[in-house]
């Protein structure tokens, strides 16, 4: 296997890295297009300066707004908070460094100075509007990609024969090297991390869609960000009112307080 094929295989095995590289490529192309067009009075700049200005702002903006999705989808479930207030707070926070970057980029090639409060206050709303809009667009595109394709209806079974119970569809998504002994799913951004006896892997799928494909496996979604197979629970840790399920390989899955009674009645602990 040559170097290019090895790199392609490594990238395919790391979906998050692949997604970041694709997003950065899109932002660089967008920055080049804006540099050629020269909007907002930047056409007076020399072309090399315009390229540095717009490509730099596109990359800096992506670097500031990109972690928002990971922050919201990981912090929200852990704190049992709704997503939209976290999205608003994250966009408000991420727009601060991007606004400063706009001022510094406008001072190319130097010298550089901090903006006054009045200038910052006038520019910040525009940066917030544009940055939040692009972030929302990327978020919606990711959610559309995560929706599984609807399976075609199966042909009817001949009457008089009892069909075997269908295998959980999610198991077909697991790479061959992970096997099929699934014991937990953990939500990470717009992915779920599938934990099996042989390792773990990220799969581009929303948690609720993954859980819907696990019919036939004895398990439960014990938290907004965790699904656990019942026979994988090795112990239960209690810390006041908080419960955590101890799983193989030292993993611990938090139990949402709203699910404690239901799981207790079902004999989980």
Protein backbone atom coordinates (compact mmCIF):
# COMPACT_ATOMS: atom_id res chain seq x y z
CA UNK A 1 0.00 0.00 0.00
CA UNK A 2 1.52 3.35 -1.07
CA UNK A 3 1.60 6.53 1.02
CA UNK A 4 -1.47 8.15 -0.58
CA UNK A 5 -3.60 5.03 -0.06
CA UNK A 6 -2.44 4.74 3.55
CA UNK A 7 -3.35 8.37 4.21
CA UNK A 8 -6.76 7.90 2.61
CA UNK A 9 -7.41 4.83 4.76
CA UNK A 10 -6.32 6.66 7.94
CA UNK A 11 -8.64 9.56 7.12
CA UNK A 12 -11.57 7.20 6.48
CA UNK A 13 -11.01 5.62 9.88
CA UNK A 14 -11.22 9.03 11.60
CA UNK A 15 -14.54 10.60 10.55
CA UNK A 16 -14.11 13.68 12.75
CA UNK A 17 -10.74 14.50 11.17
CA UNK A 18 -12.20 13.93 7.73
CA UNK A 19 -15.10 16.25 8.45
CA UNK A 20 -12.81 19.01 9.78
CA UNK A 21 -10.61 18.79 6.68
CA UNK A 22 -13.64 19.02 4.40
CA UNK A 23 -15.05 22.00 6.35
CA UNK A 24 -11.71 23.81 6.27
CA UNK A 25 -11.46 23.24 2.52
CA UNK A 26 -14.89 24.81 2.09
CA UNK A 27 -13.92 27.81 4.24
CA UNK A 28 -10.66 28.34 2.32
CA UNK A 29 -12.52 28.26 -1.02
CA UNK A 30 -15.07 30.72 0.38
CA UNK A 31 -12.24 32.98 1.57
CA UNK A 32 -10.60 32.93 -1.88
CA UNK A 33 -13.90 33.83 -3.57
CA UNK A 34 -14.41 36.77 -1.20
CA UNK A 35 -10.83 37.91 -1.78
CA UNK A 36 -11.42 37.96 -5.54
CA UNK A 37 -14.71 39.85 -5.13
CA UNK A 38 -13.33 42.27 -2.53
CA UNK A 39 -16.62 43.18 -0.73
CA UNK A 40 -17.02 45.68 2.13
CA UNK A 41 -14.40 48.04 0.76
CA UNK A 42 -11.57 45.47 0.70
CA UNK A 43 -11.15 45.66 -3.08
CA UNK A 44 -8.76 48.59 -2.54
CA UNK A 45 -6.33 46.19 -0.84
CA UNK A 46 -3.67 44.46 -2.94
CA UNK A 47 -4.74 40.93 -3.94
CA UNK A 48 -2.20 39.15 -1.67
CA UNK A 49 -3.44 41.19 1.29
CA UNK A 50 -7.07 40.45 0.37
CA UNK A 51 -6.31 36.74 0.22
CA UNK A 52 -4.67 36.82 3.63
CA UNK A 53 -7.58 38.92 4.98
CA UNK A 54 -10.49 36.80 3.79
CA UNK A 55 -8.93 33.33 4.01
CA UNK A 56 -7.59 34.17 7.46
CA UNK A 57 -10.99 35.39 8.66
CA UNK A 58 -12.72 32.31 7.23
CA UNK A 59 -10.32 29.95 9.02
CA UNK A 60 -10.36 31.92 12.29
CA UNK A 61 -14.15 32.07 12.21
CA UNK A 62 -14.37 28.33 11.66
CA UNK A 63 -11.92 27.72 14.50
CA UNK A 64 -14.04 29.82 16.87
CA UNK A 65 -17.50 28.62 15.84
CA UNK A 66 -16.76 24.96 15.02
CA UNK A 67 -16.36 23.82 18.67
CA UNK A 68 -19.84 25.17 19.45
CA UNK A 69 -21.58 22.00 18.25
CA UNK A 70 -19.34 19.75 20.31
CA UNK A 71 -19.81 21.96 23.38
CA UNK A 72 -23.59 22.05 23.11
CA UNK A 73 -24.11 18.35 22.36
CA UNK A 74 -21.72 17.19 25.09
CA UNK A 75 -22.38 19.74 27.84
CA UNK A 76 -26.14 19.91 27.36
CA UNK A 77 -26.90 16.24 28.10
CA UNK A 78 -24.52 16.16 31.06
CA UNK A 79 -26.25 19.14 32.66
CA UNK A 80 -29.74 18.16 31.47
CA UNK A 81 -30.11 21.56 29.77
CA UNK A 82 -32.07 22.33 26.58
CA UNK A 83 -29.94 22.92 23.50
CA UNK A 84 -31.14 26.33 22.31
CA UNK A 85 -29.94 28.42 25.31
CA UNK A 86 -26.53 26.78 24.99
CA UNK A 87 -26.43 27.56 21.26
CA UNK A 88 -27.22 31.23 21.97
CA UNK A 89 -24.62 31.50 24.73
CA UNK A 90 -21.96 29.73 22.65
CA UNK A 91 -22.56 31.98 19.61
CA UNK A 92 -22.40 35.11 21.79
CA UNK A 93 -19.10 33.96 23.25
CA UNK A 94 -17.50 32.80 19.99
CA UNK A 95 -18.33 36.10 18.26
CA UNK A 96 -16.01 38.05 20.60
CA UNK A 97 -12.68 36.70 19.28
CA UNK A 98 -13.98 36.76 15.70
CA UNK A 99 -14.87 40.46 16.06
CA UNK A 100 -11.34 41.17 17.31
CA UNK A 101 -9.96 39.19 14.36
CA UNK A 102 -11.97 41.39 11.98
CA UNK A 103 -10.36 44.52 13.44
CA UNK A 104 -6.84 43.09 13.33
CA UNK A 105 -7.33 41.82 9.77
CA UNK A 106 -8.49 45.29 8.72
CA UNK A 107 -5.20 46.72 9.99
CA UNK A 108 -3.04 44.54 7.73
CA UNK A 109 -0.11 44.76 7.24
CA UNK A 110 0.10 46.67 10.56
CA UNK A 111 0.60 48.27 13.01
CA UNK A 112 -2.17 46.69 15.11
CA UNK A 113 -4.25 48.27 17.88
CA UNK A 114 -7.27 47.22 19.93
CA UNK A 115 -10.59 48.75 18.84
CA UNK A 116 -12.46 51.22 20.98
CA UNK A 117 -15.54 49.99 22.80
CA UNK A 118 -17.84 51.97 20.47
CA UNK A 119 -16.31 50.45 17.32
CA UNK A 120 -16.42 46.99 18.86
CA UNK A 121 -20.08 47.42 19.84
CA UNK A 122 -20.99 48.51 16.30
CA UNK A 123 -19.18 45.62 14.61
CA UNK A 124 -20.04 42.81 17.03
CA UNK A 125 -23.75 42.45 16.02
CA UNK A 126 -22.82 41.97 12.34
CA UNK A 127 -20.20 39.35 13.21
CA UNK A 128 -22.70 37.61 15.50
CA UNK A 129 -25.35 37.57 12.76
CA UNK A 130 -23.04 36.20 10.05
CA UNK A 131 -21.21 33.74 12.32
CA UNK A 132 -24.40 32.37 13.87
CA UNK A 133 -25.99 32.02 10.43
CA UNK A 134 -23.05 30.02 9.04
CA UNK A 135 -22.93 27.90 12.21
CA UNK A 136 -26.65 27.14 11.94
CA UNK A 137 -26.23 26.23 8.26
CA UNK A 138 -23.41 23.76 9.04
CA UNK A 139 -25.44 22.32 11.93
CA UNK A 140 -28.50 21.72 9.76
CA UNK A 141 -26.39 20.10 7.03
CA UNK A 142 -24.86 17.74 9.59
CA UNK A 143 -28.28 16.81 10.96
CA UNK A 144 -29.53 16.01 7.45
CA UNK A 145 -26.51 13.79 6.85
CA UNK A 146 -27.17 11.99 10.12
CA UNK A 147 -30.73 10.99 9.15
CA UNK A 148 -30.60 7.34 8.04
CA UNK A 149 -31.99 6.38 4.66
CA UNK A 150 -35.41 4.76 4.98
CA UNK A 151 -35.19 1.06 4.29
CA UNK A 152 -37.30 -0.43 1.57
CA UNK A 153 -40.20 -2.54 2.85
CA UNK A 154 -39.42 -6.24 3.07
CA UNK A 155 -41.47 -8.67 1.02
CA UNK A 156 -44.23 -10.39 2.99
CA UNK A 157 -43.32 -13.68 4.66
CA UNK A 158 -45.12 -16.80 3.45
CA UNK A 159 -48.12 -17.59 5.62
CA UNK A 160 -47.75 -20.48 8.00
CA UNK A 161 -44.06 -19.83 8.68
CA UNK A 162 -42.81 -17.95 11.72
CA UNK A 163 -40.06 -15.55 10.63
CA UNK A 164 -36.94 -15.38 12.81
CA UNK A 165 -36.60 -12.30 14.99
CA UNK A 166 -34.85 -9.54 13.02
CA UNK A 167 -31.31 -8.59 14.04
CA UNK A 168 -30.78 -5.06 15.27
CA UNK A 169 -30.14 -2.92 12.18
CA UNK A 170 -27.52 -0.84 13.97
CA UNK A 171 -25.16 -3.82 14.14
CA UNK A 172 -24.79 -3.63 10.34
CA UNK A 173 -23.16 -0.22 10.78
CA UNK A 174 -20.35 -1.59 12.95
CA UNK A 175 -16.95 -2.08 11.27
CA UNK A 176 -15.95 -5.72 10.97
CA UNK A 177 -13.01 -5.35 13.37
CA UNK A 178 -15.40 -4.36 16.21
CA UNK A 179 -17.48 -7.52 16.02
CA UNK A 180 -21.12 -7.41 17.07
CA UNK A 181 -20.90 -7.62 20.88
CA UNK A 182 -22.26 -4.09 21.45
CA UNK A 183 -22.54 -3.00 25.06
CA UNK A 184 -22.94 0.80 24.94
CA UNK A 185 -23.45 3.87 22.75
CA UNK A 186 -22.08 7.26 23.76
CA UNK A 187 -23.14 10.49 22.03
CA UNK A 188 -20.32 12.72 20.77
CA UNK A 189 -21.37 15.80 18.83
CA UNK A 190 -23.39 14.53 15.82
CA UNK A 191 -21.91 11.04 16.16
CA UNK A 192 -22.40 8.07 18.43
CA UNK A 193 -19.40 6.14 19.71
CA UNK A 194 -20.17 2.43 19.60
CA UNK A 195 -18.44 0.47 22.38
CA UNK A 196 -17.99 -3.26 21.83
CA UNK A 197 -15.90 -5.96 23.45
CA UNK A 198 -13.23 -5.37 20.77
CA UNK A 199 -12.99 -1.58 20.86
CA UNK A 200 -14.92 1.55 19.91
CA UNK A 201 -15.63 3.61 16.80
CA UNK A 202 -17.48 6.82 15.87
CA UNK A 203 -20.52 6.45 13.63
CA UNK A 204 -22.30 9.39 11.99
CA UNK A 205 -25.80 8.97 13.42
CA UNK A 206 -27.99 10.75 15.93
CA UNK A 207 -28.55 8.98 19.23
CA UNK A 208 -32.32 8.73 18.83
CA UNK A 209 -31.92 7.18 15.36
CA UNK A 210 -29.32 4.73 16.67
CA UNK A 211 -31.59 3.68 19.54
CA UNK A 212 -34.43 3.12 17.07
CA UNK A 213 -32.18 0.66 15.20
CA UNK A 214 -31.36 -1.33 18.36
CA UNK A 215 -34.72 -3.05 18.61
CA UNK A 216 -34.16 -6.64 19.62
CA UNK A 217 -31.28 -5.94 22.00
CA UNK A 218 -32.05 -5.88 25.72
CA UNK A 219 -30.92 -2.39 26.68
CA UNK A 220 -32.10 1.14 27.42
CA UNK A 221 -31.19 4.76 26.89
CA UNK A 222 -30.20 5.55 30.48
CA UNK A 223 -29.22 9.16 29.71
CA UNK A 224 -29.63 11.62 26.85
CA UNK A 225 -26.08 10.77 25.76
CA UNK A 226 -25.87 7.07 26.69
CA UNK A 227 -27.51 3.79 25.66
CA UNK A 228 -26.44 0.67 27.60
CA UNK A 229 -26.98 -3.03 27.04
CA UNK A 230 -28.50 -4.55 30.16
CA UNK A 231 -26.13 -7.50 30.45
CA UNK A 232 -23.10 -5.15 30.21
CA UNK A 233 -23.75 -3.52 33.60
CA UNK A 234 -21.09 -4.76 36.03
CA UNK A 235 -21.83 -2.50 38.99
CA UNK A 236 -23.68 0.64 40.08
CA UNK A 237 -21.95 3.65 41.65
CA UNK A 238 -23.96 5.99 43.88
CA UNK A 239 -22.96 9.55 44.71
CA UNK A 240 -25.84 11.09 46.60
CA UNK A 241 -28.74 11.17 44.14
CA UNK A 242 -26.48 10.54 41.15
CA UNK A 243 -26.08 7.03 39.72
CA UNK A 244 -23.48 5.72 37.27
CA UNK A 245 -23.48 2.31 35.62
CA UNK A 246 -20.07 0.62 35.57
CA UNK A 247 -19.41 -1.04 32.19
CA UNK A 248 -16.57 -3.13 30.74
CA UNK A 249 -13.19 -1.44 30.06
CA UNK A 250 -13.73 0.96 32.98
CA UNK A 251 -16.50 2.92 31.26
CA UNK A 252 -19.13 4.61 33.40
CA UNK A 253 -22.50 5.72 32.04
CA UNK A 254 -24.47 8.36 33.97
CA UNK A 255 -28.12 7.66 34.70
CA UNK A 256 -30.55 10.52 34.20
CA UNK A 257 -32.62 11.22 37.30
CA UNK A 258 -35.77 10.95 35.21
CA UNK A 259 -34.88 7.34 34.33
CA UNK A 260 -33.89 6.10 37.80
CA UNK A 261 -37.37 4.95 38.86
CA UNK A 262 -38.11 3.26 35.55
CA UNK A 263 -34.79 1.37 35.51
CA UNK A 264 -35.15 0.41 39.17
CA UNK A 265 -38.60 -1.02 38.57
CA UNK A 266 -37.20 -2.99 35.60
CA UNK A 267 -34.60 -4.58 37.89
CA UNK A 268 -31.49 -2.85 36.56
CA UNK A 269 -30.30 -2.06 40.10
